[in-house]
N, C-alpha and C. Protein backbone atom coordinates (compact mmCIF):
# COMPACT_ATOMS: atom_id res chain seq x y z
N UNK A 1 77.61 2.53 230.60
CA UNK A 1 76.66 0.78 230.78
C UNK A 1 77.31 -0.05 230.57
N UNK A 2 77.97 -0.11 228.91
CA UNK A 2 78.68 -1.51 228.41
C UNK A 2 79.61 -1.83 229.24
N UNK A 3 80.60 -0.97 229.98
CA UNK A 3 81.15 -1.53 230.86
C UNK A 3 80.79 -1.98 232.17
N UNK A 4 79.71 -1.72 232.17
CA UNK A 4 78.76 -2.27 233.95
C UNK A 4 78.40 -3.82 233.41
N UNK A 5 77.98 -4.00 231.88
CA UNK A 5 77.59 -5.56 231.74
C UNK A 5 78.70 -6.09 231.33
N UNK A 6 79.83 -5.44 231.05
CA UNK A 6 80.75 -6.39 230.94
C UNK A 6 81.55 -6.87 232.37
N UNK A 7 81.58 -5.84 233.34
CA UNK A 7 82.04 -6.31 234.53
C UNK A 7 80.93 -7.55 234.96
N UNK A 8 79.93 -7.74 234.52
CA UNK A 8 79.03 -8.51 235.13
C UNK A 8 79.19 -9.92 234.57
N UNK A 9 79.73 -9.66 233.11
CA UNK A 9 80.10 -10.92 232.40
C UNK A 9 81.36 -11.57 232.93
N UNK A 10 82.09 -10.74 233.43
CA UNK A 10 83.34 -11.16 233.87
C UNK A 10 83.14 -11.91 235.10
N UNK A 11 82.20 -10.99 235.82
CA UNK A 11 81.83 -11.98 237.55
C UNK A 11 81.29 -13.25 237.22
N UNK A 12 80.54 -13.72 236.25
CA UNK A 12 80.02 -14.72 236.14
C UNK A 12 80.94 -15.73 235.17
N UNK A 13 81.96 -15.15 234.96
CA UNK A 13 83.17 -16.09 234.37
C UNK A 13 83.81 -16.25 235.61
N UNK A 14 84.29 -15.47 236.63
CA UNK A 14 85.03 -15.72 237.60
C UNK A 14 84.44 -16.38 238.97
N UNK A 15 83.20 -16.18 239.03
CA UNK A 15 82.81 -16.46 240.66
C UNK A 15 81.84 -17.11 240.65
N UNK A 16 81.02 -17.37 239.47
CA UNK A 16 79.90 -18.15 239.54
C UNK A 16 79.83 -19.74 239.57
N UNK A 17 79.34 -20.30 240.53
CA UNK A 17 79.38 -21.90 240.50
C UNK A 17 78.24 -22.30 239.98
N UNK A 18 78.15 -22.67 238.62
CA UNK A 18 77.00 -23.15 237.94
C UNK A 18 77.04 -24.63 238.06
N UNK A 19 75.44 -25.34 238.40
CA UNK A 19 75.26 -26.68 238.38
C UNK A 19 75.36 -27.14 236.81
N UNK A 20 75.03 -26.25 235.68
CA UNK A 20 74.83 -26.88 234.50
C UNK A 20 75.48 -26.02 233.33
N UNK A 21 76.15 -26.46 232.49
CA UNK A 21 76.48 -25.64 231.41
C UNK A 21 77.99 -25.38 231.80
N UNK A 22 78.39 -24.36 230.67
CA UNK A 22 80.06 -23.80 230.80
C UNK A 22 79.77 -22.02 231.15
N UNK A 23 80.23 -22.15 232.04
CA UNK A 23 80.02 -20.58 232.68
C UNK A 23 80.61 -19.46 231.77
N UNK A 24 81.98 -20.02 230.84
CA UNK A 24 82.47 -19.12 229.89
C UNK A 24 81.45 -19.03 228.51
N UNK A 25 81.18 -20.04 228.34
CA UNK A 25 80.22 -19.93 226.96
C UNK A 25 78.94 -18.98 227.32
N UNK A 26 78.53 -19.32 228.40
CA UNK A 26 77.14 -18.75 228.95
C UNK A 26 77.20 -17.39 229.24
N UNK A 27 78.32 -16.80 229.91
CA UNK A 27 78.53 -15.60 230.16
C UNK A 27 78.96 -14.65 228.87
N UNK A 28 79.56 -15.15 227.90
CA UNK A 28 79.82 -14.56 226.66
C UNK A 28 78.57 -14.20 226.02
N UNK A 29 77.61 -15.10 225.71
CA UNK A 29 76.33 -15.33 224.92
C UNK A 29 75.47 -14.27 225.90
N UNK A 30 75.74 -14.04 227.15
CA UNK A 30 75.01 -13.36 228.17
C UNK A 30 74.91 -12.06 227.69
N UNK A 31 76.47 -11.67 227.83
CA UNK A 31 76.94 -10.27 227.78
C UNK A 31 76.12 -9.74 226.19
N UNK A 32 76.44 -10.25 225.25
CA UNK A 32 75.75 -10.21 223.99
C UNK A 32 74.42 -9.58 224.17
N UNK A 33 73.37 -10.38 224.76
CA UNK A 33 72.02 -10.56 224.63
C UNK A 33 71.85 -9.22 225.60
N UNK A 34 72.52 -8.86 226.80
CA UNK A 34 72.30 -7.69 227.54
C UNK A 34 72.14 -6.24 226.84
N UNK A 35 72.99 -6.37 225.75
CA UNK A 35 73.19 -5.14 225.05
C UNK A 35 72.00 -4.98 224.01
N UNK A 36 71.44 -5.90 223.49
CA UNK A 36 70.44 -5.70 222.43
C UNK A 36 69.23 -5.32 222.84
N UNK A 37 68.15 -5.40 222.21
CA UNK A 37 67.28 -4.73 222.29
C UNK A 37 66.16 -5.57 223.40
N UNK A 38 65.82 -5.06 224.52
CA UNK A 38 64.93 -5.97 225.54
C UNK A 38 63.70 -6.74 225.06
N UNK A 39 63.16 -6.31 223.75
CA UNK A 39 61.93 -6.94 223.30
C UNK A 39 62.25 -8.74 223.31
N UNK A 40 61.31 -9.34 223.68
CA UNK A 40 61.32 -10.58 223.79
C UNK A 40 62.77 -11.55 224.23
N UNK A 41 63.21 -10.75 225.14
CA UNK A 41 64.38 -11.23 225.84
C UNK A 41 63.67 -12.18 227.28
N UNK A 42 64.06 -13.39 227.27
CA UNK A 42 63.50 -14.31 228.12
C UNK A 42 64.39 -13.84 229.68
N UNK A 43 63.72 -13.88 230.58
CA UNK A 43 64.65 -14.29 232.05
C UNK A 43 64.55 -15.83 232.27
N UNK A 44 65.52 -16.31 232.49
CA UNK A 44 66.04 -17.44 232.78
C UNK A 44 66.90 -17.66 234.07
N UNK A 45 67.06 -18.86 234.38
CA UNK A 45 67.50 -19.10 236.04
C UNK A 45 68.91 -18.73 235.64
N UNK A 46 69.64 -17.87 236.68
CA UNK A 46 70.80 -17.82 236.34
C UNK A 46 71.14 -16.47 236.02
N UNK A 47 70.06 -15.91 235.45
CA UNK A 47 69.92 -14.31 235.00
C UNK A 47 70.58 -13.30 236.02
N UNK A 48 71.37 -12.47 236.25
CA UNK A 48 71.42 -11.16 236.79
C UNK A 48 71.09 -10.06 236.40
N UNK A 49 69.90 -9.48 237.50
CA UNK A 49 69.42 -8.49 236.54
C UNK A 49 68.91 -7.36 237.61
N UNK A 50 68.28 -6.38 237.53
CA UNK A 50 67.62 -5.37 238.26
C UNK A 50 66.21 -5.14 238.32
N UNK A 51 65.28 -5.17 239.17
CA UNK A 51 64.22 -5.11 239.17
C UNK A 51 63.84 -3.68 239.21
N UNK A 52 62.99 -3.17 238.48
CA UNK A 52 62.63 -1.68 238.56
C UNK A 52 60.96 -1.84 238.98
N UNK A 53 61.06 -0.77 239.86
CA UNK A 53 59.53 -0.54 240.47
C UNK A 53 58.78 0.03 239.29
N UNK A 54 57.31 0.00 239.11
CA UNK A 54 56.97 0.21 237.41
C UNK A 54 56.74 1.82 238.16
N UNK A 55 56.06 2.04 239.25
CA UNK A 55 55.24 3.47 239.16
C UNK A 55 56.46 4.56 239.89
N UNK A 56 57.40 4.26 240.27
CA UNK A 56 58.19 5.29 240.76
C UNK A 56 59.91 5.15 240.00
N UNK A 57 60.10 4.01 239.34
CA UNK A 57 61.27 3.58 238.80
C UNK A 57 62.58 3.60 239.37
N UNK A 58 62.17 3.26 241.01
CA UNK A 58 63.31 2.78 241.61
C UNK A 58 63.88 1.51 241.31
N UNK A 59 65.24 0.81 241.91
CA UNK A 59 65.58 0.14 241.61
C UNK A 59 65.50 -1.28 243.11
N UNK A 60 65.00 -2.16 243.15
CA UNK A 60 65.27 -3.26 244.20
C UNK A 60 66.58 -3.14 244.86
N UNK A 61 66.94 -3.15 246.07
CA UNK A 61 68.38 -2.69 246.33
C UNK A 61 68.79 -3.26 247.94
N UNK A 62 69.71 -3.46 247.85
CA UNK A 62 69.98 -3.85 249.37
C UNK A 62 71.81 -3.82 249.85
N UNK A 63 71.77 -3.76 250.87
CA UNK A 63 73.28 -3.24 251.34
C UNK A 63 73.73 -3.89 252.65
N UNK A 64 74.79 -3.75 253.18
CA UNK A 64 74.97 -4.35 254.61
C UNK A 64 74.90 -3.38 255.49
N UNK A 65 73.85 -2.90 255.54
CA UNK A 65 73.12 -2.13 256.66
C UNK A 65 71.46 -2.78 257.39
N UNK A 66 71.84 -3.08 258.45
CA UNK A 66 70.61 -3.94 259.24
C UNK A 66 69.61 -2.94 259.46
N UNK A 67 68.44 -3.44 259.68
CA UNK A 67 67.25 -2.89 260.18
C UNK A 67 67.70 -2.34 261.40
N UNK A 68 67.26 -1.44 262.07
CA UNK A 68 67.20 -0.72 263.37
C UNK A 68 66.36 -1.53 263.99
N UNK A 69 64.93 -2.02 263.44
CA UNK A 69 63.80 -2.49 264.25
C UNK A 69 63.40 -4.09 263.51
N UNK A 70 62.35 -4.29 263.99
CA UNK A 70 61.95 -5.52 263.50
C UNK A 70 63.00 -7.00 263.73
N UNK A 71 63.35 -7.45 262.57
CA UNK A 71 64.18 -8.67 262.38
C UNK A 71 65.63 -8.39 262.80
N UNK A 72 65.87 -7.31 262.45
CA UNK A 72 67.57 -6.46 262.70
C UNK A 72 68.07 -7.24 261.48
N UNK A 73 67.53 -7.87 260.21
CA UNK A 73 68.31 -8.68 259.05
C UNK A 73 68.86 -7.34 258.27
N UNK A 74 69.43 -7.68 257.45
CA UNK A 74 70.12 -6.95 256.25
C UNK A 74 68.89 -6.13 255.63
N UNK A 75 68.81 -4.86 255.54
CA UNK A 75 67.67 -4.24 255.01
C UNK A 75 67.56 -3.99 253.45
N UNK A 76 66.28 -3.92 253.02
CA UNK A 76 66.09 -3.91 251.55
C UNK A 76 65.27 -2.60 251.05
N UNK A 77 65.62 -1.72 250.34
CA UNK A 77 65.07 -0.50 249.74
C UNK A 77 64.65 -0.53 248.29
N UNK A 78 64.49 0.46 247.71
CA UNK A 78 64.78 0.64 246.32
C UNK A 78 65.21 1.86 246.35
N UNK A 79 66.09 2.04 245.06
CA UNK A 79 66.99 2.98 245.01
C UNK A 79 67.02 3.95 243.97
N UNK A 80 67.40 5.01 243.77
CA UNK A 80 66.99 5.86 242.44
C UNK A 80 67.95 5.75 241.59
N UNK A 81 69.01 5.76 242.03
CA UNK A 81 69.98 5.52 240.63
C UNK A 81 70.08 4.12 239.69
N UNK A 82 70.41 4.45 238.59
CA UNK A 82 70.57 3.30 237.86
C UNK A 82 71.58 2.40 237.92
N UNK A 83 72.88 3.18 238.30
CA UNK A 83 73.94 2.17 237.87
C UNK A 83 74.73 2.23 239.29
N UNK A 84 73.77 1.59 240.31
CA UNK A 84 74.44 0.67 241.98
C UNK A 84 74.40 -0.25 241.60
N UNK A 85 75.88 -1.22 241.81
CA UNK A 85 75.94 -2.33 241.90
C UNK A 85 75.04 -2.96 242.91
N UNK A 86 74.70 -2.50 243.84
CA UNK A 86 74.21 -3.12 245.02
C UNK A 86 72.36 -3.51 244.73
N UNK A 87 72.12 -3.15 243.37
CA UNK A 87 70.68 -3.52 242.90
C UNK A 87 70.80 -4.70 242.12
N UNK A 88 71.94 -5.43 241.98
CA UNK A 88 71.83 -6.65 241.04
C UNK A 88 71.45 -7.80 242.09
N UNK A 89 70.46 -8.56 241.49
CA UNK A 89 69.97 -9.73 241.85
C UNK A 89 70.07 -11.06 240.97
N UNK A 90 70.55 -12.16 241.73
CA UNK A 90 70.54 -13.36 240.58
C UNK A 90 69.17 -14.25 240.87
N UNK A 91 68.53 -14.81 239.32
CA UNK A 91 67.38 -15.39 239.81
C UNK A 91 67.42 -17.08 239.82
N UNK A 92 67.09 -17.47 240.82
CA UNK A 92 67.39 -18.91 241.22
C UNK A 92 65.99 -19.61 241.65
N UNK A 93 66.26 -20.97 241.08
CA UNK A 93 64.95 -21.65 241.78
C UNK A 93 65.20 -22.05 243.10
N UNK A 94 64.14 -22.69 243.57
CA UNK A 94 63.95 -23.22 244.98
C UNK A 94 65.49 -24.54 244.72
N UNK A 95 65.69 -24.80 245.76
CA UNK A 95 66.67 -25.85 246.03
C UNK A 95 65.79 -27.41 245.69
N UNK A 96 66.33 -28.13 245.13
CA UNK A 96 65.87 -29.92 244.98
C UNK A 96 64.70 -29.60 244.10
N UNK A 97 64.91 -29.07 243.11
CA UNK A 97 63.87 -28.94 242.13
C UNK A 97 64.57 -29.32 240.66
N UNK A 98 63.92 -29.57 239.54
CA UNK A 98 64.66 -29.89 238.54
C UNK A 98 65.01 -28.88 237.61
N UNK A 99 64.60 -27.60 237.77
CA UNK A 99 65.11 -26.52 236.88
C UNK A 99 66.66 -26.14 237.14
N UNK A 100 67.13 -25.55 236.19
CA UNK A 100 68.57 -25.62 235.77
C UNK A 100 68.88 -24.39 235.24
N UNK A 101 69.94 -23.76 235.21
CA UNK A 101 70.53 -22.57 234.54
C UNK A 101 70.04 -22.60 233.12
N UNK A 102 69.29 -21.28 232.46
CA UNK A 102 69.10 -21.20 231.22
C UNK A 102 67.67 -21.60 230.93
N UNK A 103 67.33 -22.36 231.79
CA UNK A 103 65.81 -22.72 232.05
C UNK A 103 64.93 -21.33 231.93
N UNK A 104 63.70 -21.45 230.99
CA UNK A 104 62.64 -19.97 231.24
C UNK A 104 62.00 -20.16 232.34
N UNK A 105 61.59 -18.98 232.62
CA UNK A 105 60.47 -19.18 234.06
C UNK A 105 59.23 -19.14 233.75
N UNK A 106 58.25 -19.86 233.95
CA UNK A 106 56.63 -19.60 233.71
C UNK A 106 56.03 -19.02 234.68
N UNK A 107 55.07 -18.40 233.91
CA UNK A 107 54.19 -17.52 235.18
C UNK A 107 53.64 -18.80 236.28
N UNK A 108 53.43 -18.22 237.63
CA UNK A 108 52.86 -19.04 238.67
C UNK A 108 54.48 -19.80 239.17
N UNK A 109 55.83 -19.53 238.89
CA UNK A 109 56.90 -20.42 239.23
C UNK A 109 57.09 -19.83 240.54
N UNK A 110 57.67 -20.56 241.29
CA UNK A 110 58.28 -20.19 242.54
C UNK A 110 60.03 -20.24 242.14
N UNK A 111 60.27 -18.77 242.61
CA UNK A 111 61.46 -18.14 242.42
C UNK A 111 62.37 -17.73 244.01
N UNK A 112 63.66 -17.60 243.71
CA UNK A 112 64.25 -16.98 244.90
C UNK A 112 65.18 -15.91 244.32
N UNK A 113 65.42 -14.95 244.79
CA UNK A 113 66.52 -13.94 244.35
C UNK A 113 67.63 -13.97 245.35
N UNK A 114 68.83 -13.77 244.63
CA UNK A 114 70.24 -13.58 245.50
C UNK A 114 70.61 -12.60 245.52
N UNK A 115 70.81 -11.44 246.23
CA UNK A 115 71.53 -10.39 246.27
C UNK A 115 73.02 -10.58 245.88
N UNK A 116 73.43 -10.08 244.66
CA UNK A 116 74.91 -10.64 243.99
C UNK A 116 75.96 -10.14 244.96
N UNK A 117 75.84 -9.22 245.52
CA UNK A 117 76.96 -8.64 246.57
C UNK A 117 77.30 -8.98 247.72
N UNK A 118 75.90 -9.78 248.36
CA UNK A 118 76.08 -9.97 249.81
C UNK A 118 75.74 -11.52 249.54
N UNK A 119 75.19 -12.03 248.80
CA UNK A 119 74.84 -13.68 248.84
C UNK A 119 73.63 -14.05 249.37
N UNK A 120 73.04 -13.11 250.14
CA UNK A 120 71.80 -13.27 250.99
C UNK A 120 70.64 -13.46 250.05
N UNK A 121 69.16 -13.93 250.67
CA UNK A 121 68.31 -13.92 249.85
C UNK A 121 67.09 -13.01 250.02
N UNK A 122 66.28 -12.45 249.27
CA UNK A 122 65.61 -11.45 249.16
C UNK A 122 64.23 -12.28 250.09
N UNK A 123 63.90 -12.00 251.19
CA UNK A 123 63.41 -12.53 252.37
C UNK A 123 62.12 -11.86 252.94
N UNK A 124 61.20 -12.53 253.22
CA UNK A 124 59.88 -11.68 254.12
C UNK A 124 59.41 -12.57 255.28
N UNK A 125 58.67 -12.21 256.00
CA UNK A 125 58.09 -12.50 257.37
C UNK A 125 57.11 -11.34 257.89
N UNK A 126 56.95 -12.22 259.06
CA UNK A 126 55.55 -11.36 260.00
C UNK A 126 56.48 -10.00 260.67
N UNK A 127 57.16 -9.85 260.75
CA UNK A 127 57.93 -8.74 261.46
C UNK A 127 57.09 -7.21 260.55
N UNK A 128 57.28 -6.31 261.25
CA UNK A 128 56.41 -5.02 260.59
C UNK A 128 57.54 -3.90 259.99
N UNK A 129 57.56 -3.74 258.54
CA UNK A 129 58.17 -2.68 258.34
C UNK A 129 58.70 -1.30 258.78
N UNK A 130 59.59 -0.87 258.73
CA UNK A 130 59.95 0.24 259.45
C UNK A 130 59.02 1.68 259.20
N UNK A 131 58.95 2.08 258.42
CA UNK A 131 57.74 3.18 258.07
C UNK A 131 56.47 2.90 258.01
N UNK A 132 55.99 1.87 257.35
CA UNK A 132 54.54 1.80 256.77
C UNK A 132 53.90 0.95 257.95
N UNK A 133 54.66 -0.10 258.43
CA UNK A 133 53.90 -1.29 259.24
C UNK A 133 53.40 -2.40 258.47
N UNK A 134 53.93 -2.22 257.37
CA UNK A 134 53.43 -3.30 256.26
C UNK A 134 54.43 -4.67 256.84
N UNK A 135 54.46 -5.77 256.00
CA UNK A 135 55.45 -6.84 256.20
C UNK A 135 56.81 -6.66 255.91
N UNK A 136 57.71 -6.92 257.05
CA UNK A 136 59.24 -6.59 256.41
C UNK A 136 59.53 -7.53 255.27
N UNK A 137 60.46 -6.60 254.40
CA UNK A 137 61.35 -7.43 253.36
C UNK A 137 62.89 -7.36 253.86
N UNK A 138 63.61 -8.18 253.86
CA UNK A 138 64.90 -7.95 254.17
C UNK A 138 65.93 -9.12 253.07
N UNK A 139 66.84 -9.09 253.76
CA UNK A 139 67.82 -10.08 253.03
C UNK A 139 68.33 -10.83 253.84
N UNK A 140 68.53 -12.49 254.00
CA UNK A 140 68.64 -13.33 255.20
C UNK A 140 69.41 -14.49 254.41
N UNK A 141 70.01 -15.13 255.23
CA UNK A 141 70.81 -16.70 254.89
C UNK A 141 72.02 -16.24 253.92
N UNK A 142 72.39 -17.33 253.05
CA UNK A 142 73.50 -17.38 252.32
C UNK A 142 73.68 -18.34 251.53
N UNK A 143 74.72 -18.62 250.88
CA UNK A 143 74.94 -19.97 249.87
C UNK A 143 74.15 -21.18 250.40
N UNK A 144 74.83 -21.64 251.73
CA UNK A 144 73.88 -23.07 252.08
C UNK A 144 73.01 -22.69 253.16
N UNK A 145 72.59 -21.51 253.30
CA UNK A 145 71.20 -21.42 254.19
C UNK A 145 70.37 -20.40 253.53
N UNK A 146 69.07 -21.13 253.18
CA UNK A 146 67.74 -20.65 252.60
C UNK A 146 66.58 -21.58 253.13
N UNK A 147 65.41 -20.74 253.07
CA UNK A 147 64.50 -21.32 253.43
C UNK A 147 63.06 -20.63 252.94
N UNK A 148 61.92 -21.42 253.25
CA UNK A 148 60.77 -21.04 252.77
C UNK A 148 60.33 -19.57 252.55
N UNK A 149 60.98 -18.81 253.49
CA UNK A 149 60.85 -17.30 253.47
C UNK A 149 61.67 -16.73 252.50
N UNK A 150 62.55 -17.27 251.69
CA UNK A 150 62.67 -16.76 250.45
C UNK A 150 62.11 -17.24 249.11
N UNK A 151 60.93 -17.83 249.33
CA UNK A 151 60.05 -18.71 248.44
C UNK A 151 59.28 -16.95 247.57
N UNK A 152 59.06 -16.73 246.17
CA UNK A 152 58.25 -15.77 246.09
C UNK A 152 57.75 -16.32 244.64
N UNK A 153 56.38 -16.38 244.20
CA UNK A 153 55.62 -16.67 243.38
C UNK A 153 55.72 -15.61 242.20
N UNK A 154 56.21 -15.79 241.17
CA UNK A 154 56.09 -14.99 239.95
C UNK A 154 54.73 -15.14 239.39
N UNK A 155 53.99 -13.95 239.31
CA UNK A 155 52.93 -13.52 238.55
C UNK A 155 52.91 -12.74 237.62
N UNK A 156 52.83 -12.83 236.33
CA UNK A 156 53.20 -12.11 235.12
C UNK A 156 51.84 -11.28 234.84
N UNK A 157 51.62 -10.01 234.46
CA UNK A 157 50.69 -9.45 234.23
C UNK A 157 50.36 -9.34 232.75
N UNK A 158 48.98 -9.62 232.47
CA UNK A 158 48.63 -9.88 231.06
C UNK A 158 48.79 -11.28 230.54
N UNK A 159 48.75 -11.53 229.05
CA UNK A 159 48.79 -12.67 228.61
C UNK A 159 50.13 -13.69 228.54
N UNK A 160 51.45 -13.19 229.08
CA UNK A 160 52.79 -13.45 228.93
C UNK A 160 52.57 -15.00 229.76
N UNK A 161 52.86 -16.19 229.10
CA UNK A 161 53.21 -17.25 229.67
C UNK A 161 55.07 -17.58 230.45
N UNK A 162 55.71 -16.96 229.96
CA UNK A 162 57.15 -16.91 230.32
C UNK A 162 57.55 -15.68 230.97
N UNK A 163 58.68 -15.58 232.01
CA UNK A 163 59.05 -14.20 232.07
C UNK A 163 60.09 -13.62 231.07
N UNK A 164 59.82 -12.28 230.83
CA UNK A 164 60.55 -11.50 229.73
C UNK A 164 60.77 -10.05 230.39
N UNK A 165 61.95 -9.62 229.96
CA UNK A 165 62.50 -8.21 230.13
C UNK A 165 61.77 -7.49 230.13
N UNK A 166 61.37 -6.32 230.39
CA UNK A 166 60.50 -5.22 230.49
C UNK A 166 58.99 -5.72 230.42
N UNK A 167 58.81 -6.75 231.18
CA UNK A 167 57.34 -7.41 231.14
C UNK A 167 56.74 -7.14 232.79
N UNK A 168 55.45 -6.72 232.92
CA UNK A 168 54.99 -6.33 233.98
C UNK A 168 54.73 -7.54 234.96
N UNK A 169 55.36 -7.43 236.05
CA UNK A 169 54.99 -8.77 237.28
C UNK A 169 54.83 -8.35 238.40
N UNK A 170 54.52 -9.10 239.36
CA UNK A 170 54.10 -9.22 240.71
C UNK A 170 54.90 -10.34 241.30
N UNK A 171 55.49 -10.23 242.62
CA UNK A 171 56.29 -11.32 243.29
C UNK A 171 55.47 -11.60 244.63
N UNK A 172 54.94 -12.53 244.38
CA UNK A 172 53.98 -12.94 246.11
C UNK A 172 54.46 -13.90 246.97
N UNK A 173 54.81 -13.32 248.17
CA UNK A 173 55.85 -13.99 249.01
C UNK A 173 54.89 -15.59 249.76
N UNK A 174 55.44 -16.93 249.34
CA UNK A 174 54.87 -17.87 249.88
C UNK A 174 54.23 -17.87 250.96
N UNK A 175 55.08 -17.68 252.20
CA UNK A 175 54.56 -17.84 253.47
C UNK A 175 53.73 -16.72 254.04
N UNK A 176 53.92 -15.73 253.65
CA UNK A 176 52.78 -14.66 254.27
C UNK A 176 51.79 -14.39 253.13
N UNK A 177 52.03 -14.37 251.87
CA UNK A 177 50.84 -13.96 251.06
C UNK A 177 51.42 -12.48 250.40
N UNK A 178 52.37 -11.81 251.16
CA UNK A 178 52.44 -10.12 250.78
C UNK A 178 53.04 -10.20 249.54
N UNK A 179 52.55 -9.26 248.48
CA UNK A 179 53.48 -9.04 247.52
C UNK A 179 54.45 -8.09 247.48
N UNK A 180 55.70 -8.16 246.90
CA UNK A 180 56.57 -7.14 246.99
C UNK A 180 56.34 -5.82 246.67
N UNK A 181 56.63 -4.78 247.59
CA UNK A 181 55.61 -3.57 247.05
C UNK A 181 56.89 -2.47 247.41
N UNK A 182 56.78 -1.42 246.92
CA UNK A 182 57.38 0.03 247.02
C UNK A 182 56.59 0.95 246.92
N UNK A 183 56.99 2.19 247.46
CA UNK A 183 56.30 3.26 247.60
C UNK A 183 56.84 4.52 247.59
N UNK A 184 56.59 5.87 247.45
CA UNK A 184 57.17 7.06 247.85
C UNK A 184 57.47 7.40 248.93
N UNK A 185 57.47 6.56 250.07
CA UNK A 185 57.62 6.56 251.51
C UNK A 185 59.19 6.51 251.44
N UNK A 186 59.98 7.24 251.84
CA UNK A 186 61.33 7.53 252.09
C UNK A 186 61.95 7.58 253.41
N UNK A 187 63.44 6.84 253.52
CA UNK A 187 64.19 7.07 254.58
C UNK A 187 64.70 8.19 254.85
N UNK A 188 64.89 8.75 256.23
CA UNK A 188 65.44 9.97 256.31
C UNK A 188 66.90 10.06 256.93
N UNK A 189 67.20 8.97 257.28
CA UNK A 189 68.74 8.78 257.59
C UNK A 189 69.72 7.82 257.18
N UNK A 190 69.64 6.59 257.75
CA UNK A 190 71.04 5.62 257.27
C UNK A 190 70.85 5.29 255.96
N UNK A 191 69.46 5.58 255.49
CA UNK A 191 69.08 5.15 253.89
C UNK A 191 68.53 6.35 253.35
N UNK A 192 68.88 7.52 253.17
CA UNK A 192 68.41 8.52 253.17
C UNK A 192 68.20 8.62 251.57
N UNK A 193 66.82 9.17 251.14
CA UNK A 193 66.54 9.44 249.76
C UNK A 193 66.12 7.85 249.02
N UNK A 194 66.04 6.76 250.17
CA UNK A 194 65.75 5.63 249.38
C UNK A 194 64.43 5.27 249.80
N UNK A 195 63.67 4.30 249.13
CA UNK A 195 62.13 4.22 249.36
C UNK A 195 62.11 2.72 250.40
N UNK A 196 61.06 2.83 250.96
CA UNK A 196 61.22 1.35 251.79
C UNK A 196 60.46 0.50 250.59
N UNK A 197 60.63 -0.67 251.08
CA UNK A 197 60.23 -2.04 250.17
C UNK A 197 59.81 -2.65 251.59
N UNK A 198 58.44 -3.33 251.08
CA UNK A 198 57.61 -3.92 252.30
C UNK A 198 56.91 -4.96 251.34
N UNK A 199 56.07 -5.79 252.36
CA UNK A 199 55.30 -6.51 251.76
C UNK A 199 53.48 -6.20 252.02
N UNK A 200 52.83 -6.23 250.99
CA UNK A 200 51.21 -5.81 251.05
C UNK A 200 50.60 -6.88 250.61
N UNK A 201 49.57 -7.34 251.48
CA UNK A 201 48.83 -8.33 250.91
C UNK A 201 47.60 -8.50 249.92
N UNK A 202 47.53 -6.89 249.66
CA UNK A 202 46.58 -6.68 248.66
C UNK A 202 47.14 -6.42 247.26
N UNK A 203 46.60 -6.54 246.11
CA UNK A 203 47.29 -6.41 244.87
C UNK A 203 46.82 -4.75 244.39
N UNK A 204 47.97 -3.92 244.43
CA UNK A 204 47.96 -2.59 244.54
C UNK A 204 49.26 -2.36 242.96
N UNK A 205 48.82 -1.11 242.53
CA UNK A 205 49.78 -0.48 241.42
C UNK A 205 51.19 -0.24 242.01
N UNK A 206 51.33 -0.14 243.31
CA UNK A 206 52.57 -0.11 243.65
C UNK A 206 53.42 -1.56 244.12
N UNK A 207 52.49 -2.23 243.52
CA UNK A 207 53.62 -3.47 243.92
C UNK A 207 53.91 -4.28 242.33
N UNK A 208 53.79 -3.55 241.42
CA UNK A 208 54.30 -4.23 240.00
C UNK A 208 55.67 -3.77 239.59
N UNK A 209 56.46 -4.51 239.28
CA UNK A 209 57.64 -4.50 239.13
C UNK A 209 58.31 -5.19 237.54
N UNK A 210 59.21 -4.79 236.99
CA UNK A 210 59.57 -5.06 235.64
C UNK A 210 61.24 -5.40 235.83
N UNK A 211 61.79 -6.41 234.96
CA UNK A 211 63.11 -6.98 234.78
C UNK A 211 64.04 -5.80 234.17
N UNK A 212 64.88 -5.20 234.40
CA UNK A 212 65.57 -4.07 233.84
C UNK A 212 66.78 -4.40 233.33
N UNK A 213 68.02 -3.50 233.90
CA UNK A 213 68.94 -3.66 233.16
C UNK A 213 69.76 -5.20 233.74
N UNK A 214 70.89 -5.72 233.00
CA UNK A 214 71.14 -7.17 233.57
C UNK A 214 71.84 -7.73 232.42
N UNK A 215 72.27 -8.91 233.11
CA UNK A 215 73.01 -10.14 231.96
C UNK A 215 71.90 -11.28 232.05
N UNK A 216 71.42 -11.14 230.75
CA UNK A 216 70.11 -12.30 230.62
C UNK A 216 71.14 -13.72 229.72
N UNK A 217 70.78 -14.72 230.70
CA UNK A 217 71.56 -15.86 229.99
C UNK A 217 70.56 -16.49 229.13
N UNK A 218 71.02 -16.93 228.03
CA UNK A 218 70.65 -17.56 227.03
C UNK A 218 69.73 -18.79 227.62
N UNK A 219 68.89 -19.20 226.72
CA UNK A 219 68.02 -20.36 226.84
C UNK A 219 68.83 -21.51 226.36
N UNK A 220 68.86 -22.51 227.74
CA UNK A 220 69.20 -23.70 227.40
C UNK A 220 68.49 -24.72 226.57
N UNK A 221 69.30 -25.11 225.26
CA UNK A 221 68.47 -26.04 224.63
C UNK A 221 68.10 -27.52 225.18
N UNK A 222 66.96 -28.01 224.80
CA UNK A 222 66.82 -29.28 225.41
C UNK A 222 67.41 -30.39 224.48
N UNK A 223 67.85 -31.46 225.37
CA UNK A 223 68.74 -32.33 224.43
C UNK A 223 67.85 -33.49 224.02
């Protein structure tokens, strides 16, 4: 696990194009934070993390496999194994906002999640999901291609005011109103053993997630 965190920190150093701050100093601090206790660790913009589905403990996941129905875009599933690198996501603000790397993320904020390996955005729309017929969730776009279909509102469960690791959250899609959702309905063939991820417009126990493994960037101090 330590090597996995080291690899992520090295990725931050070599590959990230940060708008603010020093990548080398940020990644070093983040690597140390990732191996410490998760209690009170803040999720900040630029953090690379895995989202764990509370009920099934599977991780939000994507890969270069398109859906065979619906939009035909890159598929999103939830994955049983903890150590798969295709389950890492970068927390980003919407473009043209004042939010920057290292800022904390308040309850109600609109965020985007960028898949680390393929650089596409967690996306949803009105296409039907393959198994349950709910709202399809896909990965779409790229570094210079993003729209409101990539926007999700952070909803913290309980009294928390800013997003922290191991805190129960929901993500509600801005365009459709669907909550990011998974359940024990599994794919049999292309993504065998992986669970469907979809959007559901009602609050349910199956649309609660927690920030789990990752590299948590330190909070940027105000000047």
